[in-house]
PDB file of N, CA and C in Angstrom:
ATOM      1  N   MET A   1      93.355  96.035  89.805  1.00  0.00           N
ATOM      2  CA  MET A   1      94.130  95.320  89.452  1.00  0.00           C
ATOM      3  C   MET A   1      93.958  93.769  90.261  1.00  0.00           C
ATOM      4  N   GLY A   2      94.030  93.688  91.539  1.00  0.00           N
ATOM      5  CA  GLY A   2      93.795  93.070  92.303  1.00  0.00           C
ATOM      6  C   GLY A   2      92.979  91.653  92.141  1.00  0.00           C
ATOM      7  N   LYS A   3      91.575  92.495  91.865  1.00  0.00           N
ATOM      8  CA  LYS A   3      90.681  91.792  91.341  1.00  0.00           C
ATOM      9  C   LYS A   3      90.631  90.954  90.031  1.00  0.00           C
ATOM     10  N   PHE A   4      91.238  91.690  89.001  1.00  0.00           N
ATOM     11  CA  PHE A   4      91.257  90.658  88.134  1.00  0.00           C
ATOM     12  C   PHE A   4      92.453  89.781  88.200  1.00  0.00           C
ATOM     13  N   PHE A   5      93.088  90.397  89.331  1.00  0.00           N
ATOM     14  CA  PHE A   5      94.429  88.950  88.822  1.00  0.00           C
ATOM     15  C   PHE A   5      93.452  87.945  89.891  1.00  0.00           C
ATOM     16  N   ASN A   6      92.579  88.101  90.517  1.00  0.00           N
ATOM     17  CA  ASN A   6      92.007  87.024  91.567  1.00  0.00           C
ATOM     18  C   ASN A   6      91.157  86.098  90.094  1.00  0.00           C
ATOM     19  N   ARG A   7      90.366  86.651  89.624  1.00  0.00           N
ATOM     20  CA  ARG A   7      89.547  86.261  88.770  1.00  0.00           C
ATOM     21  C   ARG A   7      90.703  85.342  87.589  1.00  0.00           C
ATOM     22  N   LEU A   8      91.708  85.699  87.285  1.00  0.00           N
ATOM     23  CA  LEU A   8      92.711  84.573  86.687  1.00  0.00           C
ATOM     24  C   LEU A   8      93.040  83.669  87.003  1.00  0.00           C
ATOM     25  N   VAL A   9      93.733  83.916  88.821  1.00  0.00           N
ATOM     26  CA  VAL A   9      93.860  82.946  89.846  1.00  0.00           C
ATOM     27  C   VAL A   9      92.811  81.771  89.552  1.00  0.00           C
ATOM     28  N   LYS A  10      91.295  81.908  89.938  1.00  0.00           N
ATOM     29  CA  LYS A  10      90.102  81.409  89.882  1.00  0.00           C
ATOM     30  C   LYS A  10      89.993  80.506  88.529  1.00  0.00           C
ATOM     31  N   THR A  11      90.069  81.014  87.460  1.00  0.00           N
ATOM     32  CA  THR A  11      89.989  80.246  86.456  1.00  0.00           C
ATOM     33  C   THR A  11      91.133  80.107  85.838  1.00  0.00           C
ATOM     34  N   LEU A  12      92.546  80.451  86.003  1.00  0.00           N
ATOM     35  CA  LEU A  12      93.761  79.364  85.673  1.00  0.00           C
ATOM     36  C   LEU A  12      94.015  78.420  86.009  1.00  0.00           C
ATOM     37  N   VAL A  13      94.242  78.671  88.047  1.00  0.00           N
ATOM     38  CA  VAL A  13      94.850  77.823  88.480  1.00  0.00           C
ATOM     39  C   VAL A  13      94.511  77.261  89.794  1.00  0.00           C
ATOM     40  N   ILE A  14      93.882  77.726  90.817  1.00  0.00           N
ATOM     41  CA  ILE A  14      92.576  77.863  92.154  1.00  0.00           C
ATOM     42  C   ILE A  14      91.556  78.064  92.416  1.00  0.00           C
ATOM     43  N   GLU A  15      90.618  77.702  92.217  1.00  0.00           N
ATOM     44  CA  GLU A  15      89.144  78.137  92.853  1.00  0.00           C
ATOM     45  C   GLU A  15      88.323  78.636  94.227  1.00  0.00           C
ATOM     46  N   ASP A  16      88.757  77.918  94.451  1.00  0.00           N
ATOM     47  CA  ASP A  16      88.640  77.861  95.996  1.00  0.00           C
ATOM     48  C   ASP A  16      88.978  78.361  96.950  1.00  0.00           C
ATOM     49  N   PHE A  17      89.726  79.313  96.859  1.00  0.00           N
ATOM     50  CA  PHE A  17      90.134  81.163  97.774  1.00  0.00           C
ATOM     51  C   PHE A  17      89.476  81.754  97.348  1.00  0.00           C
ATOM     52  N   LYS A  18      89.419  82.925  98.200  1.00  0.00           N
ATOM     53  CA  LYS A  18      88.679  84.002  98.492  1.00  0.00           C
ATOM     54  C   LYS A  18      89.865  85.085  98.191  1.00  0.00           C
ATOM     55  N   ASP A  19      91.082  84.801  98.646  1.00  0.00           N
ATOM     56  CA  ASP A  19      92.596  85.571  98.457  1.00  0.00           C
ATOM     57  C   ASP A  19      93.862  85.195  98.263  1.00  0.00           C
ATOM     58  N   THR A  20      94.258  84.819  97.683  1.00  0.00           N
ATOM     59  CA  THR A  20      95.283  83.729  97.375  1.00  0.00           C
ATOM     60  C   THR A  20      96.668  84.807  97.734  1.00  0.00           C
ATOM     61  N   GLN A  21      96.379  86.056  97.572  1.00  0.00           N
ATOM     62  CA  GLN A  21      97.402  87.208  97.310  1.00  0.00           C
ATOM     63  C   GLN A  21      97.951  88.181  99.209  1.00  0.00           C
ATOM     64  N   CYS A  22      97.483  87.889  99.879  1.00  0.00           N
ATOM     65  CA  CYS A  22      97.433  88.622 101.240  1.00  0.00           C
ATOM     66  C   CYS A  22      98.764  88.738 101.820  1.00  0.00           C
ATOM     67  N   GLY A  23      99.415  87.614 101.954  1.00  0.00           N
ATOM     68  CA  GLY A  23     101.106  87.589 102.015  1.00  0.00           C
ATOM     69  C   GLY A  23     101.116  87.019 102.991  1.00  0.00           C
ATOM     70  N   PHE A  24     100.084  86.525 103.778  1.00  0.00           N
ATOM     71  CA  PHE A  24     100.031  86.381 105.203  1.00  0.00           C
ATOM     72  C   PHE A  24      99.667  84.974 105.077  1.00  0.00           C
ATOM     73  N   LYS A  25     100.930  84.405 105.517  1.00  0.00           N
ATOM     74  CA  LYS A  25     100.429  82.630 105.085  1.00  0.00           C
ATOM     75  C   LYS A  25     100.987  81.898 106.544  1.00  0.00           C
ATOM     76  N   LEU A  26     100.584  80.905 107.345  1.00  0.00           N
ATOM     77  CA  LEU A  26     101.170  80.136 108.266  1.00  0.00           C
ATOM     78  C   LEU A  26     101.331  78.590 107.957  1.00  0.00           C
ATOM     79  N   PHE A  27     102.628  78.190 108.342  1.00  0.00           N
ATOM     80  CA  PHE A  27     102.655  76.677 108.058  1.00  0.00           C
ATOM     81  C   PHE A  27     103.746  76.372 109.011  1.00  0.00           C
ATOM     82  N   ARG A  28     103.421  75.111 108.801  1.00  0.00           N
ATOM     83  CA  ARG A  28     104.502  73.957 109.832  1.00  0.00           C
ATOM     84  C   ARG A  28     105.599  74.482 109.064  1.00  0.00           C
ATOM     85  N   GLY A  29     106.740  74.243 109.889  1.00  0.00           N
ATOM     86  CA  GLY A  29     107.911  74.213 109.340  1.00  0.00           C
ATOM     87  C   GLY A  29     108.466  73.325 108.345  1.00  0.00           C
ATOM     88  N   ASP A  30     107.808  71.923 108.345  1.00  0.00           N
ATOM     89  CA  ASP A  30     108.378  70.883 107.471  1.00  0.00           C
ATOM     90  C   ASP A  30     107.479  71.281 106.628  1.00  0.00           C
ATOM     91  N   MET A  31     106.605  71.165 106.224  1.00  0.00           N
ATOM     92  CA  MET A  31     105.344  70.962 105.716  1.00  0.00           C
ATOM     93  C   MET A  31     106.063  72.512 104.675  1.00  0.00           C
ATOM     94  N   ALA A  32     106.576  73.744 105.232  1.00  0.00           N
ATOM     95  CA  ALA A  32     107.000  75.235 104.589  1.00  0.00           C
ATOM     96  C   ALA A  32     107.886  74.800 103.498  1.00  0.00           C
ATOM     97  N   ARG A  33     108.954  73.926 104.282  1.00  0.00           N
ATOM     98  CA  ARG A  33     110.098  73.497 103.269  1.00  0.00           C
ATOM     99  C   ARG A  33     109.570  72.934 102.234  1.00  0.00           C
ATOM    100  N   SER A  34     108.953  71.356 102.872  1.00  0.00           N
ATOM    101  CA  SER A  34     108.703  71.029 101.775  1.00  0.00           C
ATOM    102  C   SER A  34     108.220  71.727 100.374  1.00  0.00           C
ATOM    103  N   LEU A  35     107.060  72.413 100.886  1.00  0.00           N
ATOM    104  CA  LEU A  35     106.367  73.035  99.533  1.00  0.00           C
ATOM    105  C   LEU A  35     107.232  73.936  98.780  1.00  0.00           C
ATOM    106  N   PHE A  36     108.100  75.025  99.944  1.00  0.00           N
ATOM    107  CA  PHE A  36     108.733  75.669  98.560  1.00  0.00           C
ATOM    108  C   PHE A  36     110.053  75.216  98.293  1.00  0.00           C
ATOM    109  N   LYS A  37     110.563  74.004  98.864  1.00  0.00           N
ATOM    110  CA  LYS A  37     111.622  73.368  97.970  1.00  0.00           C
ATOM    111  C   LYS A  37     111.027  72.919  96.400  1.00  0.00           C
ATOM    112  N   GLU A  38     110.021  72.672  96.309  1.00  0.00           N
ATOM    113  CA  GLU A  38     109.416  72.581  94.486  1.00  0.00           C
ATOM    114  C   GLU A  38     108.450  73.226  94.525  1.00  0.00           C
ATOM    115  N   ALA A  39     108.732  74.599  94.723  1.00  0.00           N
ATOM    116  CA  ALA A  39     108.292  76.037  94.137  1.00  0.00           C
ATOM    117  C   ALA A  39     109.475  76.556  93.342  1.00  0.00           C
ATOM    118  N   GLN A  40     109.011  77.030  92.079  1.00  0.00           N
ATOM    119  CA  GLN A  40     109.647  77.632  91.455  1.00  0.00           C
ATOM    120  C   GLN A  40     109.297  79.429  91.220  1.00  0.00           C
ATOM    121  N   VAL A  41     108.096  79.544  91.516  1.00  0.00           N
ATOM    122  CA  VAL A  41     107.970  80.904  91.121  1.00  0.00           C
ATOM    123  C   VAL A  41     108.546  81.822  92.573  1.00  0.00           C
ATOM    124  N   ASP A  42     109.067  82.838  92.040  1.00  0.00           N
ATOM    125  CA  ASP A  42     109.668  83.701  92.976  1.00  0.00           C
ATOM    126  C   ASP A  42     108.949  85.208  93.440  1.00  0.00           C
ATOM    127  N   ARG A  43     107.916  86.027  92.446  1.00  0.00           N
ATOM    128  CA  ARG A  43     107.244  86.642  91.948  1.00  0.00           C
ATOM    129  C   ARG A  43     106.208  86.530  93.086  1.00  0.00           C
ATOM    130  N   PHE A  44     104.984  87.796  92.533  1.00  0.00           N
ATOM    131  CA  PHE A  44     103.330  87.931  92.854  1.00  0.00           C
ATOM    132  C   PHE A  44     102.832  86.607  93.151  1.00  0.00           C
ATOM    133  N   ALA A  45     103.308  86.044  92.437  1.00  0.00           N
ATOM    134  CA  ALA A  45     102.421  84.554  92.501  1.00  0.00           C
ATOM    135  C   ALA A  45     102.727  83.718  93.105  1.00  0.00           C
ATOM    136  N   TYR A  46     103.607  83.644  93.893  1.00  0.00           N
ATOM    137  CA  TYR A  46     104.438  82.735  94.387  1.00  0.00           C
ATOM    138  C   TYR A  46     103.393  81.745  95.427  1.00  0.00           C
ATOM    139  N   ASP A  47     102.396  82.646  95.912  1.00  0.00           N
ATOM    140  CA  ASP A  47     101.689  82.189  96.803  1.00  0.00           C
ATOM    141  C   ASP A  47     100.685  81.084  95.996  1.00  0.00           C
ATOM    142  N   VAL A  48     100.081  82.137  94.677  1.00  0.00           N
ATOM    143  CA  VAL A  48      99.143  80.802  94.126  1.00  0.00           C
ATOM    144  C   VAL A  48      99.915  79.558  93.865  1.00  0.00           C
ATOM    145  N   GLU A  49     101.042  79.201  93.766  1.00  0.00           N
ATOM    146  CA  GLU A  49     101.801  78.122  93.654  1.00  0.00           C
ATOM    147  C   GLU A  49     101.847  77.375  94.896  1.00  0.00           C
ATOM    148  N   ILE A  50     102.462  78.128  95.747  1.00  0.00           N
ATOM    149  CA  ILE A  50     102.365  77.796  97.291  1.00  0.00           C
ATOM    150  C   ILE A  50     101.081  76.588  97.319  1.00  0.00           C
ATOM    151  N   LEU A  51      99.829  77.332  97.269  1.00  0.00           N
ATOM    152  CA  LEU A  51      98.232  76.770  97.412  1.00  0.00           C
ATOM    153  C   LEU A  51      97.846  75.986  96.558  1.00  0.00           C
ATOM    154  N   ALA A  52      98.486  76.277  95.385  1.00  0.00           N
ATOM    155  CA  ALA A  52      98.199  75.196  94.473  1.00  0.00           C
ATOM    156  C   ALA A  52      99.100  73.841  94.909  1.00  0.00           C
ATOM    157  N   ILE A  53     100.184  73.729  94.776  1.00  0.00           N
ATOM    158  CA  ILE A  53     100.945  72.531  95.439  1.00  0.00           C
ATOM    159  C   ILE A  53     100.302  72.124  96.654  1.00  0.00           C
ATOM    160  N   ALA A  54      99.643  72.982  97.270  1.00  0.00           N
ATOM    161  CA  ALA A  54      99.647  71.839  98.623  1.00  0.00           C
ATOM    162  C   ALA A  54      98.348  71.387  98.415  1.00  0.00           C
ATOM    163  N   LYS A  55      97.225  72.132  97.816  1.00  0.00           N
ATOM    164  CA  LYS A  55      96.271  71.497  97.389  1.00  0.00           C
ATOM    165  C   LYS A  55      96.070  70.220  96.958  1.00  0.00           C
ATOM    166  N   LYS A  56      97.154  70.018  95.880  1.00  0.00           N
ATOM    167  CA  LYS A  56      97.321  68.978  94.973  1.00  0.00           C
ATOM    168  C   LYS A  56      98.120  67.413  95.732  1.00  0.00           C
ATOM    169  N   ARG A  57      98.574  68.023  96.594  1.00  0.00           N
ATOM    170  CA  ARG A  57      99.080  67.175  97.461  1.00  0.00           C
ATOM    171  C   ARG A  57      97.576  66.714  99.100  1.00  0.00           C
ATOM    172  N   GLY A  58      97.002  67.412  98.537  1.00  0.00           N
ATOM    173  CA  GLY A  58      95.756  66.537  99.479  1.00  0.00           C
ATOM    174  C   GLY A  58      96.246  67.453 101.282  1.00  0.00           C
ATOM    175  N   LYS A  59      97.311  68.484 101.544  1.00  0.00           N
ATOM    176  CA  LYS A  59      96.889  68.882 102.254  1.00  0.00           C
ATOM    177  C   LYS A  59      96.025  69.926 103.110  1.00  0.00           C
ATOM    178  N   ARG A  60      95.417  70.132 104.086  1.00  0.00           N
ATOM    179  CA  ARG A  60      94.322  70.793 104.518  1.00  0.00           C
ATOM    180  C   ARG A  60      94.790  72.556 104.510  1.00  0.00           C
ATOM    181  N   ILE A  61      93.905  73.160 103.625  1.00  0.00           N
ATOM    182  CA  ILE A  61      93.828  74.113 103.994  1.00  0.00           C
ATOM    183  C   ILE A  61      92.972  75.236 104.191  1.00  0.00           C
ATOM    184  N   VAL A  62      93.184  76.115 105.268  1.00  0.00           N
ATOM    185  CA  VAL A  62      92.221  77.242 105.685  1.00  0.00           C
ATOM    186  C   VAL A  62      92.430  78.460 105.668  1.00  0.00           C
ATOM    187  N   GLU A  63      91.362  79.193 105.445  1.00  0.00           N
ATOM    188  CA  GLU A  63      91.692  81.069 105.425  1.00  0.00           C
ATOM    189  C   GLU A  63      90.683  81.270 106.693  1.00  0.00           C
ATOM    190  N   VAL A  64      91.316  82.157 106.945  1.00  0.00           N
ATOM    191  CA  VAL A  64      91.596  82.746 108.405  1.00  0.00           C
ATOM    192  C   VAL A  64      91.486  84.099 108.021  1.00  0.00           C
ATOM    193  N   PRO A  65      90.047  84.818 108.356  1.00  0.00           N
ATOM    194  CA  PRO A  65      90.053  86.613 108.448  1.00  0.00           C
ATOM    195  C   PRO A  65      90.973  87.128 109.011  1.00  0.00           C
ATOM    196  N   ILE A  66      91.658  88.153 108.528  1.00  0.00           N
ATOM    197  CA  ILE A  66      92.855  88.864 108.928  1.00  0.00           C
ATOM    198  C   ILE A  66      91.988  90.445 109.349  1.00  0.00           C
ATOM    199  N   THR A  67      93.195  91.058 109.492  1.00  0.00           N
ATOM    200  CA  THR A  67      93.059  92.829 108.902  1.00  0.00           C
ATOM    201  C   THR A  67      94.068  93.390 108.495  1.00  0.00           C
ATOM    202  N   TRP A  68      94.431  93.323 107.065  1.00  0.00           N
ATOM    203  CA  TRP A  68      96.056  94.072 106.918  1.00  0.00           C
ATOM    204  C   TRP A  68      96.119  95.155 106.393  1.00  0.00           C
ATOM    205  N   ILE A  69      96.621  95.186 106.795  1.00  0.00           N
ATOM    206  CA  ILE A  69      96.904  96.895 106.024  1.00  0.00           C
ATOM    207  C   ILE A  69      98.117  97.096 105.265  1.00  0.00           C
ATOM    208  N   ASN A  70      97.746  97.342 103.958  1.00  0.00           N
ATOM    209  CA  ASN A  70      98.969  97.538 102.978  1.00  0.00           C
ATOM    210  C   ASN A  70     100.268  98.760 103.196  1.00  0.00           C
ATOM    211  N   SER A  71     101.687  97.999 102.586  1.00  0.00           N
ATOM    212  CA  SER A  71     102.631  99.165 103.471  1.00  0.00           C
ATOM    213  C   SER A  71     102.855  99.961 102.191  1.00  0.00           C
ATOM    214  N   PRO A  72     103.525 101.405 103.094  1.00  0.00           N
ATOM    215  CA  PRO A  72     102.929 102.188 101.250  1.00  0.00           C
ATOM    216  C   PRO A  72     104.285 102.543 100.763  1.00  0.00           C
ATOM    217  N   GLU A  73     105.273 101.324 101.203  1.00  0.00           N
ATOM    218  CA  GLU A  73     106.556 101.195 100.459  1.00  0.00           C
ATOM    219  C   GLU A  73     106.457 100.104  99.212  1.00  0.00           C
ATOM    220  N   SER A  74     105.203  99.258  99.611  1.00  0.00           N
ATOM    221  CA  SER A  74     105.195  98.045  98.400  1.00  0.00           C
ATOM    222  C   SER A  74     104.778  98.653  96.817  1.00  0.00           C
ATOM    223  N   ARG A  75     105.812  98.409  96.422  1.00  0.00           N
ATOM    224  CA  ARG A  75     105.235  98.799  94.649  1.00  0.00           C
ATOM    225  C   ARG A  75     104.985  97.918  93.628  1.00  0.00           C
ATOM    226  N   VAL A  76     103.673  98.110  92.744  1.00  0.00           N
ATOM    227  CA  VAL A  76     103.866  97.539  91.845  1.00  0.00           C
ATOM    228  C   VAL A  76     103.855  98.306  90.398  1.00  0.00           C
ATOM    229  N   SER A  77     104.096  97.741  89.612  1.00  0.00           N
ATOM    230  CA  SER A  77     104.602  98.128  88.350  1.00  0.00           C
ATOM    231  C   SER A  77     103.307  97.680  87.402  1.00  0.00           C
ATOM    232  N   PRO A  78     102.169  98.217  87.034  1.00  0.00           N
ATOM    233  CA  PRO A  78     100.590  97.723  86.512  1.00  0.00           C
ATOM    234  C   PRO A  78     101.244  97.191  85.069  1.00  0.00           C
ATOM    235  N   ILE A  79     101.891  97.415  84.046  1.00  0.00           N
ATOM    236  CA  ILE A  79     102.085  96.683  83.174  1.00  0.00           C
ATOM    237  C   ILE A  79     103.530  95.602  82.924  1.00  0.00           C
ATOM    238  N   ARG A  80     104.327  96.424  83.965  1.00  0.00           N
ATOM    239  CA  ARG A  80     105.513  95.038  83.693  1.00  0.00           C
ATOM    240  C   ARG A  80     104.760  94.009  84.672  1.00  0.00           C
ATOM    241  N   ASP A  81     104.293  93.793  85.839  1.00  0.00           N
ATOM    242  CA  ASP A  81     103.932  93.246  87.082  1.00  0.00           C
ATOM    243  C   ASP A  81     103.132  92.714  86.478  1.00  0.00           C
ATOM    244  N   SER A  82     102.384  92.930  85.575  1.00  0.00           N
ATOM    245  CA  SER A  82     100.948  92.212  85.030  1.00  0.00           C
ATOM    246  C   SER A  82     101.375  91.122  84.287  1.00  0.00           C
ATOM    247  N   PHE A  83     102.206  91.523  83.071  1.00  0.00           N
ATOM    248  CA  PHE A  83     102.355  90.759  82.477  1.00  0.00           C
ATOM    249  C   PHE A  83     103.209  89.423  83.246  1.00  0.00           C
ATOM    250  N   GLN A  84     104.371  89.785  83.930  1.00  0.00           N
ATOM    251  CA  GLN A  84     104.658  88.911  84.973  1.00  0.00           C
ATOM    252  C   GLN A  84     104.063  87.751  85.422  1.00  0.00           C
ATOM    253  N   MET A  85     102.684  88.583  85.766  1.00  0.00           N
ATOM    254  CA  MET A  85     101.863  87.658  87.093  1.00  0.00           C
ATOM    255  C   MET A  85     101.413  86.520  85.942  1.00  0.00           C
ATOM    256  N   LEU A  86     100.796  86.815  85.045  1.00  0.00           N
ATOM    257  CA  LEU A  86     100.116  86.222  83.932  1.00  0.00           C
ATOM    258  C   LEU A  86     100.978  85.009  83.744  1.00  0.00           C
ATOM    259  N   GLY A  87     102.200  85.550  83.293  1.00  0.00           N
ATOM    260  CA  GLY A  87     103.367  84.395  82.749  1.00  0.00           C
ATOM    261  C   GLY A  87     103.831  83.031  83.879  1.00  0.00           C
ATOM    262  N   ASP A  88     103.228  83.830  85.214  1.00  0.00           N
ATOM    263  CA  ASP A  88     103.740  83.010  86.341  1.00  0.00           C
ATOM    264  C   ASP A  88     102.505  82.348  86.601  1.00  0.00           C
ATOM    265  N   LEU A  89     101.463  82.727  86.298  1.00  0.00           N
ATOM    266  CA  LEU A  89      99.812  81.670  86.503  1.00  0.00           C
ATOM    267  C   LEU A  89      99.811  80.279  85.322  1.00  0.00           C
ATOM    268  N   LEU A  90     100.625  81.071  83.955  1.00  0.00           N
ATOM    269  CA  LEU A  90     100.457  79.676  83.473  1.00  0.00           C
ATOM    270  C   LEU A  90     101.763  79.236  83.351  1.00  0.00           C
ATOM    271  N   LYS A  91     102.542  79.041  83.691  1.00  0.00           N
ATOM    272  CA  LYS A  91     103.756  78.507  84.116  1.00  0.00           C
ATOM    273  C   LYS A  91     103.259  77.405  85.339  1.00  0.00           C
ATOM    274  N   ILE A  92     102.332  77.978  85.979  1.00  0.00           N
ATOM    275  CA  ILE A  92     101.955  76.910  87.506  1.00  0.00           C
ATOM    276  C   ILE A  92     100.895  76.113  86.767  1.00  0.00           C
ATOM    277  N   ARG A  93      99.554  76.866  86.091  1.00  0.00           N
ATOM    278  CA  ARG A  93      98.735  75.845  85.654  1.00  0.00           C
ATOM    279  C   ARG A  93      99.302  74.881  84.552  1.00  0.00           C
ATOM    280  N   ILE A  94     100.511  75.023  83.657  1.00  0.00           N
ATOM    281  CA  ILE A  94     101.089  73.587  83.334  1.00  0.00           C
ATOM    282  C   ILE A  94     101.867  72.871  83.793  1.00  0.00           C
ATOM    283  N   THR A  95     102.487  73.601  85.096  1.00  0.00           N
ATOM    284  CA  THR A  95     103.368  72.804  85.949  1.00  0.00           C
ATOM    285  C   THR A  95     102.364  71.859  86.859  1.00  0.00           C
ATOM    286  N   ILE A  96     101.510  72.629  87.468  1.00  0.00           N
ATOM    287  CA  ILE A  96     100.666  72.052  88.414  1.00  0.00           C
ATOM    288  C   ILE A  96      99.070  71.287  88.143  1.00  0.00           C
ATOM    289  N   GLY A  97      98.645  72.217  87.605  1.00  0.00           N
ATOM    290  CA  GLY A  97      97.530  72.078  86.580  1.00  0.00           C
ATOM    291  C   GLY A  97      96.392  72.976  87.429  1.00  0.00           C
ATOM    292  N   LYS A  98      95.153  72.768  87.139  1.00  0.00           N
ATOM    293  CA  LYS A  98      94.313  73.463  88.228  1.00  0.00           C
ATOM    294  C   LYS A  98      93.188  72.227  89.109  1.00  0.00           C
ATOM    295  N   THR A  99      93.931  72.902  90.031  1.00  0.00           N
ATOM    296  CA  THR A  99      92.378  72.396  91.170  1.00  0.00           C
ATOM    297  C   THR A  99      91.490  72.952  91.757  1.00  0.00           C
ATOM    298  N   GLY A 100      90.191  72.036  92.019  1.00  0.00           N
ATOM    299  CA  GLY A 100      88.933  72.007  91.946  1.00  0.00           C
ATOM    300  C   GLY A 100      88.596  72.697  93.278  1.00  0.00           C
ATOM    301  N   LYS A 101      87.089  72.509  93.667  1.00  0.00           N
ATOM    302  CA  LYS A 101      86.779  73.391  95.061  1.00  0.00           C
ATOM    303  C   LYS A 101      87.183  72.127  95.748  1.00  0.00           C
ATOM    304  N   LYS A 102      86.833  72.833  97.547  1.00  0.00           N
ATOM    305  CA  LYS A 102      87.632  71.748  98.699  1.00  0.00           C
ATOM    306  C   LYS A 102      86.422  70.688  98.862  1.00  0.00           C
TER     307      LYS A 102
END
């Protein structure tokens, strides 16, 4: 499911990141406040929206490899959440547009 979502992200919104969904993001405080103030998505695709907003504003974004261990408490409903994520991606595409390569 994650790989399919990643393909949708690259097709619809932002094509130049290996992983938008890790959930581990680091921002300067002022930058985070500014980006999240503009954001509208508050579910799984919020990462994509934040990256798309930052990229559209011309902000420097760097991917840094980390070791990630999934939480056993994390739950995704394959049907409900898939439709929600697709809807969120379409919403991001409409409001922000698609961003190109770095």
